[in-house]
Amino acid sequence: MQILAALGENSINIRTRAVRSLTGVVEVDPDVLGYKHIQIGVRTSFLDQSSSVREAAVDLIGKYVLTSVTLIEQYLEMIMERILVSRWIHLHYYKHSY
């Protein structure tokens, strides 16, 4: 899938567009979120260096994960990991900014 390949591009804009394109695919068929290679792409996007890519990934999962118990089970660990990383960054930033 070319969308997933675009997640590895150097350009932030291309990676962000790739996640948004994936959102379009998921709008048509939410079941694609259950595919292992899609989950890997979402995890990669959750941890991307760019906040716009991370935000697009969170938006994607936030819209669809609650539509299925299976998706909740598949993405819960990723969501929790994202929250912990975000919390760590927030605490680390404010700890060192004073």
C-alpha atoms as a PDB file:
ATOM      1  CA  MET A   1       0.000   0.000   0.000  1.00  0.00           C
ATOM      2  CA  GLN A   2       1.587   3.275  -1.120  1.00  0.00           C
ATOM      3  CA  ILE A   3       0.025   5.195   1.760  1.00  0.00           C
ATOM      4  CA  LEU A   4       2.014   3.158   4.261  1.00  0.00           C
ATOM      5  CA  ALA A   5       5.198   3.598   2.233  1.00  0.00           C
ATOM      6  CA  ALA A   6       4.683   7.375   2.409  1.00  0.00           C
ATOM      7  CA  LEU A   7       4.838   7.194   6.218  1.00  0.00           C
ATOM      8  CA  GLY A   8       8.578   6.586   5.841  1.00  0.00           C
ATOM      9  CA  GLU A   9       9.226   9.662   3.702  1.00  0.00           C
ATOM     10  CA  ASN A  10      11.464  12.462   4.942  1.00  0.00           C
ATOM     11  CA  SER A  11       8.890  15.173   4.257  1.00  0.00           C
ATOM     12  CA  ILE A  12       6.602  15.971   7.173  1.00  0.00           C
ATOM     13  CA  ASN A  13       3.911  17.120   4.747  1.00  0.00           C
ATOM     14  CA  ILE A  14       3.972  13.800   2.901  1.00  0.00           C
ATOM     15  CA  ARG A  15       3.784  11.806   6.130  1.00  0.00           C
ATOM     16  CA  THR A  16       0.910  13.953   7.406  1.00  0.00           C
ATOM     17  CA  ARG A  17      -0.963  13.593   4.109  1.00  0.00           C
ATOM     18  CA  ALA A  18      -0.384   9.840   4.209  1.00  0.00           C
ATOM     19  CA  VAL A  19      -2.060   9.559   7.614  1.00  0.00           C
ATOM     20  CA  ARG A  20      -4.933  11.757   6.429  1.00  0.00           C
ATOM     21  CA  SER A  21      -5.253   9.589   3.314  1.00  0.00           C
ATOM     22  CA  LEU A  22      -5.380   6.540   5.523  1.00  0.00           C
ATOM     23  CA  THR A  23      -8.235   8.231   7.385  1.00  0.00           C
ATOM     24  CA  GLY A  24     -10.084   8.429   4.062  1.00  0.00           C
ATOM     25  CA  VAL A  25      -9.574   4.715   3.515  1.00  0.00           C
ATOM     26  CA  VAL A  26     -10.805   3.954   7.030  1.00  0.00           C
ATOM     27  CA  GLU A  27     -13.913   6.072   6.447  1.00  0.00           C
ATOM     28  CA  VAL A  28     -14.838   3.661   3.650  1.00  0.00           C
ATOM     29  CA  ASP A  29     -13.799   0.497   5.508  1.00  0.00           C
ATOM     30  CA  PRO A  30     -12.999   0.777   9.243  1.00  0.00           C
ATOM     31  CA  ASP A  31     -11.984  -2.891   9.256  1.00  0.00           C
ATOM     32  CA  VAL A  32      -8.633  -1.989   7.666  1.00  0.00           C
ATOM     33  CA  LEU A  33      -7.563  -0.737  11.112  1.00  0.00           C
ATOM     34  CA  GLY A  34      -7.455  -4.391  12.101  1.00  0.00           C
ATOM     35  CA  TYR A  35      -4.728  -5.234   9.573  1.00  0.00           C
ATOM     36  CA  LYS A  36      -1.320  -5.736  11.179  1.00  0.00           C
ATOM     37  CA  HIS A  37       0.555  -3.551   8.639  1.00  0.00           C
ATOM     38  CA  ILE A  38      -1.916  -0.704   9.256  1.00  0.00           C
ATOM     39  CA  GLN A  39      -1.399  -1.028  13.009  1.00  0.00           C
ATOM     40  CA  ILE A  40       2.359  -0.816  12.515  1.00  0.00           C
ATOM     41  CA  GLY A  41       1.904   2.312  10.391  1.00  0.00           C
ATOM     42  CA  VAL A  42      -0.320   3.916  13.019  1.00  0.00           C
ATOM     43  CA  ARG A  43       2.169   3.080  15.794  1.00  0.00           C
ATOM     44  CA  THR A  44       4.956   4.643  13.718  1.00  0.00           C
ATOM     45  CA  SER A  45       2.833   7.748  13.216  1.00  0.00           C
ATOM     46  CA  PHE A  46       2.018   7.969  16.937  1.00  0.00           C
ATOM     47  CA  LEU A  47       5.748   8.203  17.639  1.00  0.00           C
ATOM     48  CA  ASP A  48       6.682  10.430  14.687  1.00  0.00           C
ATOM     49  CA  GLN A  49       8.984  13.388  15.378  1.00  0.00           C
ATOM     50  CA  SER A  50       6.413  15.730  13.821  1.00  0.00           C
ATOM     51  CA  SER A  51       3.486  16.857  15.952  1.00  0.00           C
ATOM     52  CA  SER A  52       1.296  17.200  12.840  1.00  0.00           C
ATOM     53  CA  VAL A  53       1.828  13.535  11.930  1.00  0.00           C
ATOM     54  CA  ARG A  54       1.163  12.445  15.526  1.00  0.00           C
ATOM     55  CA  GLU A  55      -1.960  14.608  15.669  1.00  0.00           C
ATOM     56  CA  ALA A  56      -3.296  13.159  12.402  1.00  0.00           C
ATOM     57  CA  ALA A  57      -2.735   9.623  13.748  1.00  0.00           C
ATOM     58  CA  VAL A  58      -4.509  10.401  17.016  1.00  0.00           C
ATOM     59  CA  ASP A  59      -7.418  11.912  15.063  1.00  0.00           C
ATOM     60  CA  LEU A  60      -7.615   8.793  12.907  1.00  0.00           C
ATOM     61  CA  ILE A  61      -7.728   6.396  15.824  1.00  0.00           C
ATOM     62  CA  GLY A  62      -9.941   8.660  17.918  1.00  0.00           C
ATOM     63  CA  LYS A  63     -12.638   8.624  15.248  1.00  0.00           C
ATOM     64  CA  TYR A  64     -12.794   4.891  14.723  1.00  0.00           C
ATOM     65  CA  VAL A  65     -11.370   2.886  17.601  1.00  0.00           C
ATOM     66  CA  LEU A  66     -14.598   3.068  19.596  1.00  0.00           C
ATOM     67  CA  THR A  67     -16.582   1.480  16.764  1.00  0.00           C
ATOM     68  CA  SER A  68     -15.390  -2.005  17.691  1.00  0.00           C
ATOM     69  CA  VAL A  69     -14.314  -3.838  20.831  1.00  0.00           C
ATOM     70  CA  THR A  70     -11.692  -5.596  18.731  1.00  0.00           C
ATOM     71  CA  LEU A  71     -10.184  -2.263  17.640  1.00  0.00           C
ATOM     72  CA  ILE A  72     -10.134  -1.067  21.242  1.00  0.00           C
ATOM     73  CA  GLU A  73      -8.194  -4.181  22.213  1.00  0.00           C
ATOM     74  CA  GLN A  74      -5.802  -3.800  19.276  1.00  0.00           C
ATOM     75  CA  TYR A  75      -5.070  -0.104  19.795  1.00  0.00           C
ATOM     76  CA  LEU A  76      -5.350   0.339  23.574  1.00  0.00           C
ATOM     77  CA  GLU A  77      -1.676  -0.355  24.218  1.00  0.00           C
ATOM     78  CA  MET A  78      -0.647   2.099  21.473  1.00  0.00           C
ATOM     79  CA  ILE A  79      -2.956   4.784  22.830  1.00  0.00           C
ATOM     80  CA  MET A  80      -1.643   4.316  26.357  1.00  0.00           C
ATOM     81  CA  GLU A  81       1.943   4.414  25.086  1.00  0.00           C
ATOM     82  CA  ARG A  82       1.201   7.652  23.238  1.00  0.00           C
ATOM     83  CA  ILE A  83      -0.298   9.190  26.385  1.00  0.00           C
ATOM     84  CA  LEU A  84       2.715   8.175  28.470  1.00  0.00           C
ATOM     85  CA  VAL A  85       5.198   9.539  25.930  1.00  0.00           C
ATOM     86  CA  SER A  86       3.226  12.753  25.655  1.00  0.00           C
ATOM     87  CA  ARG A  87       3.046  13.077  29.440  1.00  0.00           C
ATOM     88  CA  TRP A  88       6.790  12.419  29.781  1.00  0.00           C
ATOM     89  CA  ILE A  89       7.604  15.070  27.177  1.00  0.00           C
ATOM     90  CA  HIS A  90       5.294  17.539  28.896  1.00  0.00           C
ATOM     91  CA  LEU A  91       6.830  16.918  32.321  1.00  0.00           C
ATOM     92  CA  HIS A  92      10.380  16.923  30.972  1.00  0.00           C
ATOM     93  CA  TYR A  93       9.845  20.178  29.073  1.00  0.00           C
ATOM     94  CA  TYR A  94       8.317  22.054  31.998  1.00  0.00           C
ATOM     95  CA  LYS A  95      10.839  20.658  34.467  1.00  0.00           C
ATOM     96  CA  HIS A  96      13.717  22.070  32.416  1.00  0.00           C
ATOM     97  CA  SER A  97      12.095  25.325  31.353  1.00  0.00           C
ATOM     98  CA  TYR A  98      12.262  26.947  34.796  1.00  0.00           C
END
